Amino acid sequence: MVIVGKKPKMRYVTACITLFNRGENEIVLRARGKSISNCIDVALLLKKSFYSNLKIKNVFIGYDEAELNENRKRYVSFIEITISR
């Protein structure tokens, strides 16, 4: 699993390439909140620039529940993109 955050997109692309070179056949990209667009960009960069045979197997969206105080809860959207070679 690669958790995508606010760092430059190429860092996450490099992490995925490293995992594929180690023998992984399937990787899950996961991002929350404002980083969701970065996660989508990483998947598309991998497909268009590095692996033309890359398949996007599954896209799962949902929300996580985070507790701010004792009584307040906050919901944060997330996306999980499963890619495979």
PDB file of N, CA and C in Angstrom:
ATOM      1  N   MET A   1       0.848  -1.175   0.000  1.00  0.00           N
ATOM      2  CA  MET A   1       0.000   0.000   0.000  1.00  0.00           C
ATOM      3  C   MET A   1       0.892   1.235   0.000  1.00  0.00           C
ATOM      4  N   VAL A   2       0.551   2.177  -0.851  1.00  0.00           N
ATOM      5  CA  VAL A   2       1.237   3.464  -0.906  1.00  0.00           C
ATOM      6  C   VAL A   2       0.223   4.518  -0.490  1.00  0.00           C
ATOM      7  N   ILE A   3       0.533   5.240   0.573  1.00  0.00           N
ATOM      8  CA  ILE A   3      -0.355   6.290   1.056  1.00  0.00           C
ATOM      9  C   ILE A   3       0.099   7.607   0.456  1.00  0.00           C
ATOM     10  N   VAL A   4      -0.747   8.199  -0.364  1.00  0.00           N
ATOM     11  CA  VAL A   4      -0.428   9.425  -1.088  1.00  0.00           C
ATOM     12  C   VAL A   4      -0.814  10.614  -0.220  1.00  0.00           C
ATOM     13  N   GLY A   5       0.117  11.562  -0.111  1.00  0.00           N
ATOM     14  CA  GLY A   5      -0.121  12.756   0.692  1.00  0.00           C
ATOM     15  C   GLY A   5       0.186  14.013  -0.094  1.00  0.00           C
ATOM     16  N   LYS A   6       0.867  14.954   0.555  1.00  0.00           N
ATOM     17  CA  LYS A   6       1.104  16.265  -0.032  1.00  0.00           C
ATOM     18  C   LYS A   6       2.473  16.416  -0.690  1.00  0.00           C
ATOM     19  N   LYS A   7       3.278  15.374  -0.686  1.00  0.00           N
ATOM     20  CA  LYS A   7       4.597  15.450  -1.315  1.00  0.00           C
ATOM     21  C   LYS A   7       4.433  15.479  -2.836  1.00  0.00           C
ATOM     22  N   PRO A   8       5.508  15.791  -3.562  1.00  0.00           N
ATOM     23  CA  PRO A   8       5.408  15.791  -5.030  1.00  0.00           C
ATOM     24  C   PRO A   8       4.982  14.426  -5.572  1.00  0.00           C
ATOM     25  N   LYS A   9       4.204  14.459  -6.633  1.00  0.00           N
ATOM     26  CA  LYS A   9       3.622  13.229  -7.188  1.00  0.00           C
ATOM     27  C   LYS A   9       4.682  12.222  -7.609  1.00  0.00           C
ATOM     28  N   MET A  10       5.806  12.703  -8.115  1.00  0.00           N
ATOM     29  CA  MET A  10       6.838  11.792  -8.614  1.00  0.00           C
ATOM     30  C   MET A  10       7.428  10.937  -7.496  1.00  0.00           C
ATOM     31  N   ARG A  11       7.364  11.372  -6.260  1.00  0.00           N
ATOM     32  CA  ARG A  11       7.822  10.524  -5.148  1.00  0.00           C
ATOM     33  C   ARG A  11       6.975   9.270  -5.025  1.00  0.00           C
ATOM     34  N   TYR A  12       5.672   9.435  -5.191  1.00  0.00           N
ATOM     35  CA  TYR A  12       4.769   8.294  -5.090  1.00  0.00           C
ATOM     36  C   TYR A  12       4.877   7.403  -6.322  1.00  0.00           C
ATOM     37  N   VAL A  13       5.106   8.021  -7.485  1.00  0.00           N
ATOM     38  CA  VAL A  13       5.328   7.245  -8.704  1.00  0.00           C
ATOM     39  C   VAL A  13       6.586   6.397  -8.536  1.00  0.00           C
ATOM     40  N   THR A  14       7.649   7.009  -8.010  1.00  0.00           N
ATOM     41  CA  THR A  14       8.900   6.276  -7.775  1.00  0.00           C
ATOM     42  C   THR A  14       8.692   5.139  -6.774  1.00  0.00           C
ATOM     43  N   ALA A  15       7.905   5.378  -5.744  1.00  0.00           N
ATOM     44  CA  ALA A  15       7.627   4.325  -4.758  1.00  0.00           C
ATOM     45  C   ALA A  15       6.897   3.158  -5.412  1.00  0.00           C
ATOM     46  N   CYS A  16       5.956   3.440  -6.297  1.00  0.00           N
ATOM     47  CA  CYS A  16       5.226   2.376  -6.985  1.00  0.00           C
ATOM     48  C   CYS A  16       6.137   1.607  -7.932  1.00  0.00           C
ATOM     49  N   ILE A  17       6.991   2.321  -8.658  1.00  0.00           N
ATOM     50  CA  ILE A  17       7.929   1.656  -9.569  1.00  0.00           C
ATOM     51  C   ILE A  17       8.857   0.743  -8.778  1.00  0.00           C
ATOM     52  N   THR A  18       9.310   1.209  -7.616  1.00  0.00           N
ATOM     53  CA  THR A  18      10.177   0.393  -6.764  1.00  0.00           C
ATOM     54  C   THR A  18       9.460  -0.878  -6.323  1.00  0.00           C
ATOM     55  N   LEU A  19       8.207  -0.753  -5.926  1.00  0.00           N
ATOM     56  CA  LEU A  19       7.443  -1.933  -5.504  1.00  0.00           C
ATOM     57  C   LEU A  19       7.239  -2.910  -6.660  1.00  0.00           C
ATOM     58  N   PHE A  20       6.952  -2.392  -7.843  1.00  0.00           N
ATOM     59  CA  PHE A  20       6.801  -3.273  -9.000  1.00  0.00           C
ATOM     60  C   PHE A  20       8.113  -3.973  -9.326  1.00  0.00           C
ATOM     61  N   ASN A  21       9.238  -3.265  -9.205  1.00  0.00           N
ATOM     62  CA  ASN A  21      10.541  -3.871  -9.492  1.00  0.00           C
ATOM     63  C   ASN A  21      10.931  -4.918  -8.456  1.00  0.00           C
ATOM     64  N   ARG A  22      10.389  -4.828  -7.253  1.00  0.00           N
ATOM     65  CA  ARG A  22      10.648  -5.824  -6.209  1.00  0.00           C
ATOM     66  C   ARG A  22       9.823  -7.086  -6.398  1.00  0.00           C
ATOM     67  N   GLY A  23       8.893  -7.047  -7.336  1.00  0.00           N
ATOM     68  CA  GLY A  23       8.113  -8.250  -7.607  1.00  0.00           C
ATOM     69  C   GLY A  23       6.637  -8.150  -7.265  1.00  0.00           C
ATOM     70  N   GLU A  24       6.203  -7.027  -6.755  1.00  0.00           N
ATOM     71  CA  GLU A  24       4.772  -6.870  -6.456  1.00  0.00           C
ATOM     72  C   GLU A  24       3.991  -6.838  -7.761  1.00  0.00           C
ATOM     73  N   ASN A  25       2.876  -7.502  -7.795  1.00  0.00           N
ATOM     74  CA  ASN A  25       2.016  -7.484  -8.976  1.00  0.00           C
ATOM     75  C   ASN A  25       0.825  -6.553  -8.804  1.00  0.00           C
ATOM     76  N   GLU A  26       0.548  -6.182  -7.558  1.00  0.00           N
ATOM     77  CA  GLU A  26      -0.620  -5.356  -7.268  1.00  0.00           C
ATOM     78  C   GLU A  26      -0.275  -4.359  -6.173  1.00  0.00           C
ATOM     79  N   ILE A  27      -0.686  -3.113  -6.375  1.00  0.00           N
ATOM     80  CA  ILE A  27      -0.420  -2.049  -5.403  1.00  0.00           C
ATOM     81  C   ILE A  27      -1.732  -1.315  -5.137  1.00  0.00           C
ATOM     82  N   VAL A  28      -1.938  -0.930  -3.894  1.00  0.00           N
ATOM     83  CA  VAL A  28      -3.095  -0.122  -3.515  1.00  0.00           C
ATOM     84  C   VAL A  28      -2.594   1.282  -3.207  1.00  0.00           C
ATOM     85  N   LEU A  29      -3.122   2.268  -3.940  1.00  0.00           N
ATOM     86  CA  LEU A  29      -2.851   3.677  -3.667  1.00  0.00           C
ATOM     87  C   LEU A  29      -3.990   4.192  -2.814  1.00  0.00           C
ATOM     88  N   ARG A  30      -3.666   4.885  -1.716  1.00  0.00           N
ATOM     89  CA  ARG A  30      -4.714   5.379  -0.817  1.00  0.00           C
ATOM     90  C   ARG A  30      -4.439   6.825  -0.482  1.00  0.00           C
ATOM     91  N   ALA A  31      -5.485   7.642  -0.486  1.00  0.00           N
ATOM     92  CA  ALA A  31      -5.349   9.059  -0.131  1.00  0.00           C
ATOM     93  C   ALA A  31      -6.622   9.519   0.565  1.00  0.00           C
ATOM     94  N   ARG A  32      -6.456  10.553   1.380  1.00  0.00           N
ATOM     95  CA  ARG A  32      -7.586  11.130   2.106  1.00  0.00           C
ATOM     96  C   ARG A  32      -7.678  12.618   1.819  1.00  0.00           C
ATOM     97  N   GLY A  33      -8.886  13.138   1.836  1.00  0.00           N
ATOM     98  CA  GLY A  33      -9.116  14.575   1.758  1.00  0.00           C
ATOM     99  C   GLY A  33      -8.591  15.225   0.485  1.00  0.00           C
ATOM    100  N   LYS A  34      -7.807  16.285   0.676  1.00  0.00           N
ATOM    101  CA  LYS A  34      -7.307  17.064  -0.457  1.00  0.00           C
ATOM    102  C   LYS A  34      -6.283  16.319  -1.294  1.00  0.00           C
ATOM    103  N   SER A  35      -5.750  15.229  -0.810  1.00  0.00           N
ATOM    104  CA  SER A  35      -4.743  14.458  -1.546  1.00  0.00           C
ATOM    105  C   SER A  35      -5.358  13.471  -2.530  1.00  0.00           C
ATOM    106  N   ILE A  36      -6.671  13.410  -2.601  1.00  0.00           N
ATOM    107  CA  ILE A  36      -7.333  12.471  -3.504  1.00  0.00           C
ATOM    108  C   ILE A  36      -6.956  12.742  -4.953  1.00  0.00           C
ATOM    109  N   SER A  37      -6.894  14.009  -5.339  1.00  0.00           N
ATOM    110  CA  SER A  37      -6.542  14.330  -6.726  1.00  0.00           C
ATOM    111  C   SER A  37      -5.106  13.916  -7.035  1.00  0.00           C
ATOM    112  N   ASN A  38      -4.199  14.027  -6.059  1.00  0.00           N
ATOM    113  CA  ASN A  38      -2.825  13.561  -6.254  1.00  0.00           C
ATOM    114  C   ASN A  38      -2.795  12.053  -6.485  1.00  0.00           C
ATOM    115  N   CYS A  39      -3.617  11.322  -5.773  1.00  0.00           N
ATOM    116  CA  CYS A  39      -3.675   9.867  -5.907  1.00  0.00           C
ATOM    117  C   CYS A  39      -4.113   9.479  -7.316  1.00  0.00           C
ATOM    118  N   ILE A  40      -5.108  10.150  -7.843  1.00  0.00           N
ATOM    119  CA  ILE A  40      -5.585   9.875  -9.192  1.00  0.00           C
ATOM    120  C   ILE A  40      -4.494  10.218 -10.200  1.00  0.00           C
ATOM    121  N   ASP A  41      -3.816  11.339  -9.993  1.00  0.00           N
ATOM    122  CA  ASP A  41      -2.729  11.736 -10.890  1.00  0.00           C
ATOM    123  C   ASP A  41      -1.593  10.724 -10.891  1.00  0.00           C
ATOM    124  N   VAL A  42      -1.259  10.173  -9.736  1.00  0.00           N
ATOM    125  CA  VAL A  42      -0.190   9.175  -9.640  1.00  0.00           C
ATOM    126  C   VAL A  42      -0.566   7.931 -10.443  1.00  0.00           C
ATOM    127  N   ALA A  43      -1.800   7.468 -10.311  1.00  0.00           N
ATOM    128  CA  ALA A  43      -2.240   6.283 -11.053  1.00  0.00           C
ATOM    129  C   ALA A  43      -2.186   6.529 -12.555  1.00  0.00           C
ATOM    130  N   LEU A  44      -2.619   7.711 -12.988  1.00  0.00           N
ATOM    131  CA  LEU A  44      -2.612   8.008 -14.414  1.00  0.00           C
ATOM    132  C   LEU A  44      -1.201   8.228 -14.944  1.00  0.00           C
ATOM    133  N   LEU A  45      -0.318   8.830 -14.151  1.00  0.00           N
ATOM    134  CA  LEU A  45       1.079   8.984 -14.561  1.00  0.00           C
ATOM    135  C   LEU A  45       1.740   7.628 -14.762  1.00  0.00           C
ATOM    136  N   LEU A  46       1.494   6.718 -13.848  1.00  0.00           N
ATOM    137  CA  LEU A  46       2.056   5.375 -13.973  1.00  0.00           C
ATOM    138  C   LEU A  46       1.567   4.697 -15.247  1.00  0.00           C
ATOM    139  N   LYS A  47       0.287   4.844 -15.534  1.00  0.00           N
ATOM    140  CA  LYS A  47      -0.298   4.172 -16.697  1.00  0.00           C
ATOM    141  C   LYS A  47       0.175   4.794 -18.008  1.00  0.00           C
ATOM    142  N   LYS A  48       0.222   6.108 -18.097  1.00  0.00           N
ATOM    143  CA  LYS A  48       0.533   6.760 -19.364  1.00  0.00           C
ATOM    144  C   LYS A  48       2.029   6.876 -19.636  1.00  0.00           C
ATOM    145  N   SER A  49       2.836   7.004 -18.595  1.00  0.00           N
ATOM    146  CA  SER A  49       4.254   7.282 -18.805  1.00  0.00           C
ATOM    147  C   SER A  49       5.175   6.090 -18.580  1.00  0.00           C
ATOM    148  N   PHE A  50       4.811   5.169 -17.712  1.00  0.00           N
ATOM    149  CA  PHE A  50       5.748   4.125 -17.320  1.00  0.00           C
ATOM    150  C   PHE A  50       5.304   2.716 -17.691  1.00  0.00           C
ATOM    151  N   TYR A  51       4.042   2.387 -17.458  1.00  0.00           N
ATOM    152  CA  TYR A  51       3.545   1.035 -17.713  1.00  0.00           C
ATOM    153  C   TYR A  51       2.297   1.114 -18.583  1.00  0.00           C
ATOM    154  N   SER A  52       2.466   0.868 -19.882  1.00  0.00           N
ATOM    155  CA  SER A  52       1.314   0.942 -20.778  1.00  0.00           C
ATOM    156  C   SER A  52       0.339  -0.221 -20.534  1.00  0.00           C
ATOM    157  N   ASN A  53       0.844  -1.317 -19.966  1.00  0.00           N
ATOM    158  CA  ASN A  53      -0.016  -2.476 -19.695  1.00  0.00           C
ATOM    159  C   ASN A  53      -0.610  -2.451 -18.286  1.00  0.00           C
ATOM    160  N   LEU A  54      -0.476  -1.350 -17.578  1.00  0.00           N
ATOM    161  CA  LEU A  54      -1.005  -1.221 -16.212  1.00  0.00           C
ATOM    162  C   LEU A  54      -2.528  -1.256 -16.233  1.00  0.00           C
ATOM    163  N   LYS A  55      -3.100  -1.986 -15.309  1.00  0.00           N
ATOM    164  CA  LYS A  55      -4.559  -2.077 -15.213  1.00  0.00           C
ATOM    165  C   LYS A  55      -5.021  -1.474 -13.895  1.00  0.00           C
ATOM    166  N   ILE A  56      -6.059  -0.672 -13.970  1.00  0.00           N
ATOM    167  CA  ILE A  56      -6.705  -0.153 -12.769  1.00  0.00           C
ATOM    168  C   ILE A  56      -7.825  -1.141 -12.447  1.00  0.00           C
ATOM    169  N   LYS A  57      -7.589  -1.958 -11.414  1.00  0.00           N
ATOM    170  CA  LYS A  57      -8.504  -3.057 -11.114  1.00  0.00           C
ATOM    171  C   LYS A  57      -9.725  -2.614 -10.336  1.00  0.00           C
ATOM    172  N   ASN A  58      -9.524  -1.704  -9.382  1.00  0.00           N
ATOM    173  CA  ASN A  58     -10.623  -1.361  -8.498  1.00  0.00           C
ATOM    174  C   ASN A  58     -10.432   0.062  -7.987  1.00  0.00           C
ATOM    175  N   VAL A  59     -11.526   0.778  -7.859  1.00  0.00           N
ATOM    176  CA  VAL A  59     -11.524   2.097  -7.231  1.00  0.00           C
ATOM    177  C   VAL A  59     -12.588   2.067  -6.144  1.00  0.00           C
ATOM    178  N   PHE A  60     -12.159   2.335  -4.926  1.00  0.00           N
ATOM    179  CA  PHE A  60     -13.082   2.303  -3.786  1.00  0.00           C
ATOM    180  C   PHE A  60     -13.060   3.668  -3.122  1.00  0.00           C
ATOM    181  N   ILE A  61     -14.227   4.248  -2.916  1.00  0.00           N
ATOM    182  CA  ILE A  61     -14.318   5.532  -2.224  1.00  0.00           C
ATOM    183  C   ILE A  61     -15.162   5.352  -0.968  1.00  0.00           C
ATOM    184  N   GLY A  62     -14.863   6.154   0.013  1.00  0.00           N
ATOM    185  CA  GLY A  62     -15.598   6.075   1.263  1.00  0.00           C
ATOM    186  C   GLY A  62     -15.195   7.206   2.174  1.00  0.00           C
ATOM    187  N   TYR A  63     -15.449   7.041   3.453  1.00  0.00           N
ATOM    188  CA  TYR A  63     -15.065   8.065   4.417  1.00  0.00           C
ATOM    189  C   TYR A  63     -14.587   7.416   5.701  1.00  0.00           C
ATOM    190  N   ASP A  64     -13.669   8.106   6.347  1.00  0.00           N
ATOM    191  CA  ASP A  64     -13.174   7.712   7.653  1.00  0.00           C
ATOM    192  C   ASP A  64     -13.803   8.632   8.689  1.00  0.00           C
ATOM    193  N   GLU A  65     -14.019   8.095   9.843  1.00  0.00           N
ATOM    194  CA  GLU A  65     -14.601   8.867  10.932  1.00  0.00           C
ATOM    195  C   GLU A  65     -13.489   9.206  11.918  1.00  0.00           C
ATOM    196  N   ALA A  66     -13.234  10.492  12.106  1.00  0.00           N
ATOM    197  CA  ALA A  66     -12.204  10.934  13.040  1.00  0.00           C
ATOM    198  C   ALA A  66     -12.876  11.696  14.180  1.00  0.00           C
ATOM    199  N   GLU A  67     -12.433  11.432  15.385  1.00  0.00           N
ATOM    200  CA  GLU A  67     -13.032  12.087  16.548  1.00  0.00           C
ATOM    201  C   GLU A  67     -12.184  13.287  16.934  1.00  0.00           C
ATOM    202  N   LEU A  68     -12.778  14.480  16.916  1.00  0.00           N
ATOM    203  CA  LEU A  68     -12.065  15.704  17.258  1.00  0.00           C
ATOM    204  C   LEU A  68     -12.001  15.886  18.772  1.00  0.00           C
ATOM    205  N   ASN A  69     -13.127  15.914  19.393  1.00  0.00           N
ATOM    206  CA  ASN A  69     -13.239  16.017  20.850  1.00  0.00           C
ATOM    207  C   ASN A  69     -14.066  14.835  21.333  1.00  0.00           C
ATOM    208  N   GLU A  70     -14.506  14.916  22.555  1.00  0.00           N
ATOM    209  CA  GLU A  70     -15.335  13.829  23.080  1.00  0.00           C
ATOM    210  C   GLU A  70     -16.655  13.712  22.325  1.00  0.00           C
ATOM    211  N   ASN A  71     -17.227  14.845  21.942  1.00  0.00           N
ATOM    212  CA  ASN A  71     -18.567  14.833  21.364  1.00  0.00           C
ATOM    213  C   ASN A  71     -18.591  15.093  19.862  1.00  0.00           C
ATOM    214  N   ARG A  72     -17.498  15.552  19.291  1.00  0.00           N
ATOM    215  CA  ARG A  72     -17.516  15.945  17.887  1.00  0.00           C
ATOM    216  C   ARG A  72     -16.801  14.906  17.021  1.00  0.00           C
ATOM    217  N   LYS A  73     -17.441  14.584  15.918  1.00  0.00           N
ATOM    218  CA  LYS A  73     -16.845  13.669  14.946  1.00  0.00           C
ATOM    219  C   LYS A  73     -16.712  14.395  13.623  1.00  0.00           C
ATOM    220  N   ARG A  74     -15.709  13.981  12.868  1.00  0.00           N
ATOM    221  CA  ARG A  74     -15.469  14.580  11.566  1.00  0.00           C
ATOM    222  C   ARG A  74     -15.315  13.445  10.562  1.00  0.00           C
ATOM    223  N   TYR A  75     -15.864  13.630   9.387  1.00  0.00           N
ATOM    224  CA  TYR A  75     -15.774  12.630   8.340  1.00  0.00           C
ATOM    225  C   TYR A  75     -14.813  13.120   7.264  1.00  0.00           C
ATOM    226  N   VAL A  76     -13.872  12.262   6.888  1.00  0.00           N
ATOM    227  CA  VAL A  76     -12.879  12.595   5.880  1.00  0.00           C
ATOM    228  C   VAL A  76     -12.996  11.581   4.748  1.00  0.00           C
ATOM    229  N   SER A  77     -13.180  12.072   3.533  1.00  0.00           N
ATOM    230  CA  SER A  77     -13.294  11.197   2.370  1.00  0.00           C
ATOM    231  C   SER A  77     -11.955  10.550   2.051  1.00  0.00           C
ATOM    232  N   PHE A  78     -12.005   9.340   1.486  1.00  0.00           N
ATOM    233  CA  PHE A  78     -10.784   8.695   1.027  1.00  0.00           C
ATOM    234  C   PHE A  78     -11.054   7.953  -0.273  1.00  0.00           C
ATOM    235  N   ILE A  79      -9.967   7.631  -0.967  1.00  0.00           N
ATOM    236  CA  ILE A  79     -10.036   6.829  -2.187  1.00  0.00           C
ATOM    237  C   ILE A  79      -8.939   5.783  -2.124  1.00  0.00           C
ATOM    238  N   GLU A  80      -9.250   4.594  -2.599  1.00  0.00           N
ATOM    239  CA  GLU A  80      -8.272   3.525  -2.743  1.00  0.00           C
ATOM    240  C   GLU A  80      -8.318   3.040  -4.182  1.00  0.00           C
ATOM    241  N   ILE A  81      -7.187   3.101  -4.865  1.00  0.00           N
ATOM    242  CA  ILE A  81      -7.086   2.669  -6.252  1.00  0.00           C
ATOM    243  C   ILE A  81      -6.158   1.464  -6.286  1.00  0.00           C
ATOM    244  N   THR A  82      -6.649   0.340  -6.764  1.00  0.00           N
ATOM    245  CA  THR A  82      -5.853  -0.865  -6.888  1.00  0.00           C
ATOM    246  C   THR A  82      -5.354  -0.963  -8.327  1.00  0.00           C
ATOM    247  N   ILE A  83      -4.030  -1.018  -8.476  1.00  0.00           N
ATOM    248  CA  ILE A  83      -3.422  -1.110  -9.800  1.00  0.00           C
ATOM    249  C   ILE A  83      -2.607  -2.404  -9.884  1.00  0.00           C
ATOM    250  N   SER A  84      -2.520  -2.958 -11.078  1.00  0.00           N
ATOM    251  CA  SER A  84      -1.742  -4.187 -11.245  1.00  0.00           C
ATOM    252  C   SER A  84      -1.079  -4.191 -12.606  1.00  0.00           C
ATOM    253  N   ARG A  85       0.001  -4.980 -12.700  1.00  0.00           N
ATOM    254  CA  ARG A  85       0.709  -5.130 -13.971  1.00  0.00           C
ATOM    255  C   ARG A  85       0.281  -6.404 -14.643  1.00  0.00           C
TER     256      ARG A  85
END
